[in-house]
């Protein structure tokens, strides 16, 4: 049985205009399991500030910079606090805290530097609509075009990494294109990567916060410009 308190495990939680009650539930659940939490409020319209708690670190961007920037801010703080392992976790209720130990296990066993959660490795781990699955399939091919990695789940925000990998990751794509940039940096630094089964649950709320076709096109355009001018 993995015990989070055996290591300095930080969960990075980027937040932008999320439901305050849902954020509180997620943070409370993570803290109860022994994880340290870095909550990064990316300039939400209504400032997010939870009651102080042990092992909870709260940061806020003065202006909205995007999820990639929020993740990089959280990673930097976790490294400063001597994190052994870092986990990125969405704040919209899609991810399950119960999946974190499975992502950490290959890292602790020195089999990988980074693990990526995948809702498609096992049946019954998602309730995505056909349209969302179509967008995700397009995302797989976009990632393959830019990175050479064809993954079963190209844009799942649930990831874990050891300190060595976290020190190599430096996200420049502030917005949603950071997911593909993340893979590019894995390739650049020759980090060992594994996909691990993870559950993603779509609710009406999380669907409203999710990826639109317009945003998908914007990601591709951002990546194309990045590739063109790198």
Protein backbone atom coordinates (compact mmCIF):
# COMPACT_ATOMS: atom_id res chain seq x y z
CA UNK A 1 0.00 0.00 0.00
CA UNK A 2 1.39 3.37 -1.01
CA UNK A 3 1.47 5.97 1.74
CA UNK A 4 1.53 9.60 0.50
CA UNK A 5 3.19 10.75 3.71
CA UNK A 6 6.26 8.60 2.97
CA UNK A 7 7.29 11.11 0.30
CA UNK A 8 6.82 14.80 -0.40
CA UNK A 9 3.98 14.50 -2.92
CA UNK A 10 2.51 17.73 -4.27
CA UNK A 11 -0.72 17.94 -6.26
CA UNK A 12 -0.91 20.97 -8.56
CA UNK A 13 -4.49 22.25 -8.92
CA UNK A 14 -4.95 25.02 -11.53
CA UNK A 15 -8.20 26.92 -10.99
CA UNK A 16 -10.09 29.37 -13.18
CA UNK A 17 -13.70 30.31 -12.41
CA UNK A 18 -14.42 26.92 -10.87
CA UNK A 19 -17.27 26.25 -8.44
CA UNK A 20 -15.90 27.16 -4.96
CA UNK A 21 -17.70 24.28 -3.26
CA UNK A 22 -16.25 21.77 -5.71
CA UNK A 23 -12.73 23.15 -5.24
CA UNK A 24 -13.12 22.82 -1.48
CA UNK A 25 -14.24 19.19 -1.80
CA UNK A 26 -11.30 18.28 -4.04
CA UNK A 27 -8.73 20.02 -1.83
CA UNK A 28 -10.19 18.47 1.32
CA UNK A 29 -10.07 15.00 -0.25
CA UNK A 30 -6.45 15.43 -1.32
CA UNK A 31 -5.35 16.71 2.09
CA UNK A 32 -7.14 13.84 3.85
CA UNK A 33 -5.09 11.40 1.77
CA UNK A 34 -1.85 13.03 2.91
CA UNK A 35 -1.01 14.98 -0.24
CA UNK A 36 0.33 18.51 -0.26
CA UNK A 37 -1.77 20.78 -2.48
CA UNK A 38 -0.72 23.80 -4.54
CA UNK A 39 -3.84 25.68 -5.63
CA UNK A 40 -3.12 28.22 -8.38
CA UNK A 41 -5.98 30.65 -9.02
CA UNK A 42 -5.47 31.93 -12.56
CA UNK A 43 -7.19 35.29 -11.89
CA UNK A 44 -10.72 33.94 -11.49
CA UNK A 45 -13.46 36.57 -11.64
CA UNK A 46 -14.15 35.83 -7.99
CA UNK A 47 -10.93 35.33 -6.04
CA UNK A 48 -10.48 31.77 -4.80
CA UNK A 49 -9.25 31.63 -1.22
CA UNK A 50 -9.86 28.56 0.93
CA UNK A 51 -9.45 28.55 4.72
CA UNK A 52 -5.78 28.03 5.69
CA UNK A 53 -4.78 24.40 6.21
CA UNK A 54 -1.60 22.44 6.79
CA UNK A 55 0.06 21.43 3.50
CA UNK A 56 -2.17 23.76 1.44
CA UNK A 57 -0.38 26.44 -0.59
CA UNK A 58 -2.52 29.04 -2.38
CA UNK A 59 -1.23 31.26 -5.19
CA UNK A 60 -3.00 33.70 -7.48
CA UNK A 61 -2.08 35.22 -10.85
CA UNK A 62 -2.79 38.95 -11.11
CA UNK A 63 -4.07 38.42 -14.68
CA UNK A 64 -5.40 35.36 -16.47
CA UNK A 65 -2.48 33.57 -18.15
CA UNK A 66 -3.99 30.18 -18.96
CA UNK A 67 -3.75 26.64 -17.63
CA UNK A 68 -0.20 26.05 -18.83
CA UNK A 69 1.06 29.07 -16.90
CA UNK A 70 -0.89 28.02 -13.80
CA UNK A 71 0.69 24.57 -13.94
CA UNK A 72 4.18 26.02 -14.34
CA UNK A 73 3.59 28.33 -11.36
CA UNK A 74 2.51 25.35 -9.27
CA UNK A 75 5.43 23.19 -10.39
CA UNK A 76 7.89 25.94 -9.46
CA UNK A 77 6.41 26.27 -5.96
CA UNK A 78 6.38 22.50 -5.40
CA UNK A 79 10.04 22.21 -6.40
CA UNK A 80 10.89 25.09 -4.08
CA UNK A 81 9.17 23.15 -1.27
CA UNK A 82 11.34 20.10 -2.01
CA UNK A 83 8.73 17.95 -3.73
CA UNK A 84 9.73 14.35 -4.46
CA UNK A 85 6.77 13.74 -6.78
CA UNK A 86 4.30 16.08 -8.47
CA UNK A 87 0.79 15.37 -9.74
CA UNK A 88 -1.29 17.64 -11.99
CA UNK A 89 -5.02 17.42 -11.31
CA UNK A 90 -8.04 19.19 -12.83
CA UNK A 91 -10.37 21.23 -10.61
CA UNK A 92 -13.62 20.51 -12.49
CA UNK A 93 -14.40 17.19 -10.80
CA UNK A 94 -13.43 14.93 -13.73
CA UNK A 95 -10.49 13.23 -12.02
CA UNK A 96 -10.50 10.71 -9.20
CA UNK A 97 -8.15 11.05 -6.23
CA UNK A 98 -8.18 7.25 -6.00
CA UNK A 99 -6.20 7.07 -9.28
CA UNK A 100 -3.18 8.96 -7.95
CA UNK A 101 -1.39 5.99 -6.27
CA UNK A 102 -1.44 4.03 -9.54
CA UNK A 103 0.24 6.94 -11.32
CA UNK A 104 2.87 7.24 -8.61
CA UNK A 105 3.74 3.52 -8.46
CA UNK A 106 5.86 3.35 -11.68
CA UNK A 107 7.72 6.47 -10.53
CA UNK A 108 8.50 4.99 -7.13
CA UNK A 109 9.58 1.74 -8.75
CA UNK A 110 11.92 3.72 -11.06
CA UNK A 111 10.13 2.42 -14.16
CA UNK A 112 9.19 5.88 -15.45
CA UNK A 113 9.88 9.57 -14.93
CA UNK A 114 6.39 10.65 -15.96
CA UNK A 115 3.05 8.85 -16.01
CA UNK A 116 0.01 10.01 -17.96
CA UNK A 117 -3.52 9.07 -16.97
CA UNK A 118 -5.57 7.47 -19.74
CA UNK A 119 -9.34 6.95 -19.75
CA UNK A 120 -9.09 4.66 -22.80
CA UNK A 121 -6.72 1.88 -21.69
CA UNK A 122 -9.51 -0.05 -19.96
CA UNK A 123 -13.24 -0.21 -20.76
CA UNK A 124 -15.66 1.69 -18.57
CA UNK A 125 -13.23 4.40 -17.45
CA UNK A 126 -15.06 7.28 -19.14
CA UNK A 127 -18.50 8.45 -20.19
CA UNK A 128 -17.38 10.70 -23.06
CA UNK A 129 -19.86 11.53 -25.82
CA UNK A 130 -19.13 10.49 -29.40
CA UNK A 131 -18.32 14.10 -30.30
CA UNK A 132 -15.84 14.45 -27.46
CA UNK A 133 -14.24 11.14 -28.46
CA UNK A 134 -13.95 12.50 -32.01
CA UNK A 135 -12.17 15.62 -30.72
CA UNK A 136 -9.86 13.47 -28.61
CA UNK A 137 -9.02 11.28 -31.61
CA UNK A 138 -8.15 14.42 -33.55
CA UNK A 139 -5.99 15.47 -30.61
CA UNK A 140 -4.11 12.15 -30.77
CA UNK A 141 -3.16 12.78 -34.38
CA UNK A 142 -2.21 16.41 -33.71
CA UNK A 143 0.06 15.21 -30.92
CA UNK A 144 1.53 12.54 -33.19
CA UNK A 145 2.22 15.15 -35.88
CA UNK A 146 4.05 17.46 -33.48
CA UNK A 147 5.66 14.98 -31.07
CA UNK A 148 5.82 11.53 -32.66
CA UNK A 149 3.84 10.08 -29.72
CA UNK A 150 0.52 8.39 -30.50
CA UNK A 151 -1.11 8.15 -27.09
CA UNK A 152 -4.42 6.59 -26.15
CA UNK A 153 -5.43 9.77 -24.29
CA UNK A 154 -3.74 12.88 -25.64
CA UNK A 155 -5.27 15.58 -23.44
CA UNK A 156 -5.85 14.14 -19.99
CA UNK A 157 -4.73 16.62 -17.34
CA UNK A 158 -4.01 13.87 -14.80
CA UNK A 159 -0.24 13.32 -14.77
CA UNK A 160 2.49 12.45 -12.28
CA UNK A 161 6.23 13.07 -12.45
CA UNK A 162 9.30 12.61 -10.32
CA UNK A 163 11.46 15.54 -9.29
CA UNK A 164 13.99 14.90 -12.05
CA UNK A 165 11.28 15.25 -14.71
CA UNK A 166 9.66 18.27 -13.05
CA UNK A 167 12.98 20.10 -13.10
CA UNK A 168 13.18 19.53 -16.87
CA UNK A 169 9.63 20.67 -17.66
CA UNK A 170 9.33 24.38 -18.45
CA UNK A 171 6.00 25.20 -20.09
CA UNK A 172 5.99 28.22 -22.40
CA UNK A 173 2.58 27.62 -23.99
CA UNK A 174 0.42 29.34 -21.41
CA UNK A 175 -2.92 28.09 -22.67
CA UNK A 176 -4.30 24.68 -23.63
CA UNK A 177 -1.53 23.91 -26.15
CA UNK A 178 0.67 23.20 -23.13
CA UNK A 179 -0.53 19.56 -23.21
CA UNK A 180 1.29 18.94 -26.49
CA UNK A 181 4.25 21.08 -25.40
CA UNK A 182 4.49 18.84 -22.33
CA UNK A 183 4.98 15.85 -24.63
CA UNK A 184 7.53 17.72 -26.73
CA UNK A 185 9.61 18.34 -23.62
CA UNK A 186 9.33 14.69 -22.59
CA UNK A 187 10.79 13.80 -25.99
CA UNK A 188 13.42 16.56 -25.88
CA UNK A 189 14.76 15.49 -22.49
CA UNK A 190 14.38 11.74 -23.19
CA UNK A 191 12.19 11.22 -20.14
CA UNK A 192 10.71 7.77 -19.57
CA UNK A 193 6.94 7.88 -19.95
CA UNK A 194 4.10 5.43 -19.27
CA UNK A 195 0.33 5.65 -19.69
CA UNK A 196 -1.67 4.42 -16.70
CA UNK A 197 -5.42 3.66 -16.60
CA UNK A 198 -7.42 6.45 -14.98
CA UNK A 199 -11.09 7.30 -14.66
CA UNK A 200 -12.58 10.47 -16.13
CA UNK A 201 -16.17 11.30 -15.18
CA UNK A 202 -18.03 13.93 -17.19
CA UNK A 203 -20.74 15.85 -15.39
CA UNK A 204 -22.91 18.64 -16.79
CA UNK A 205 -20.62 21.07 -14.97
CA UNK A 206 -17.35 19.62 -16.30
CA UNK A 207 -18.78 19.43 -19.83
CA UNK A 208 -19.48 23.15 -19.64
CA UNK A 209 -15.83 23.72 -18.69
CA UNK A 210 -14.46 21.34 -21.30
CA UNK A 211 -12.90 21.49 -24.72
CA UNK A 212 -14.88 23.01 -27.59
CA UNK A 213 -14.22 22.56 -31.29
CA UNK A 214 -13.14 26.22 -31.45
CA UNK A 215 -10.62 25.71 -28.65
CA UNK A 216 -9.28 22.61 -30.39
CA UNK A 217 -8.63 24.62 -33.55
CA UNK A 218 -7.00 27.33 -31.48
CA UNK A 219 -4.66 24.78 -29.90
CA UNK A 220 -3.62 23.53 -33.34
CA UNK A 221 -3.00 27.11 -34.52
CA UNK A 222 -0.93 27.93 -31.42
CA UNK A 223 1.16 24.80 -31.91
CA UNK A 224 1.64 25.51 -35.62
CA UNK A 225 2.99 28.98 -34.83
CA UNK A 226 5.21 27.52 -32.12
CA UNK A 227 6.60 24.97 -34.59
CA UNK A 228 7.02 27.60 -37.29
CA UNK A 229 9.00 30.04 -35.17
CA UNK A 230 10.87 27.73 -32.81
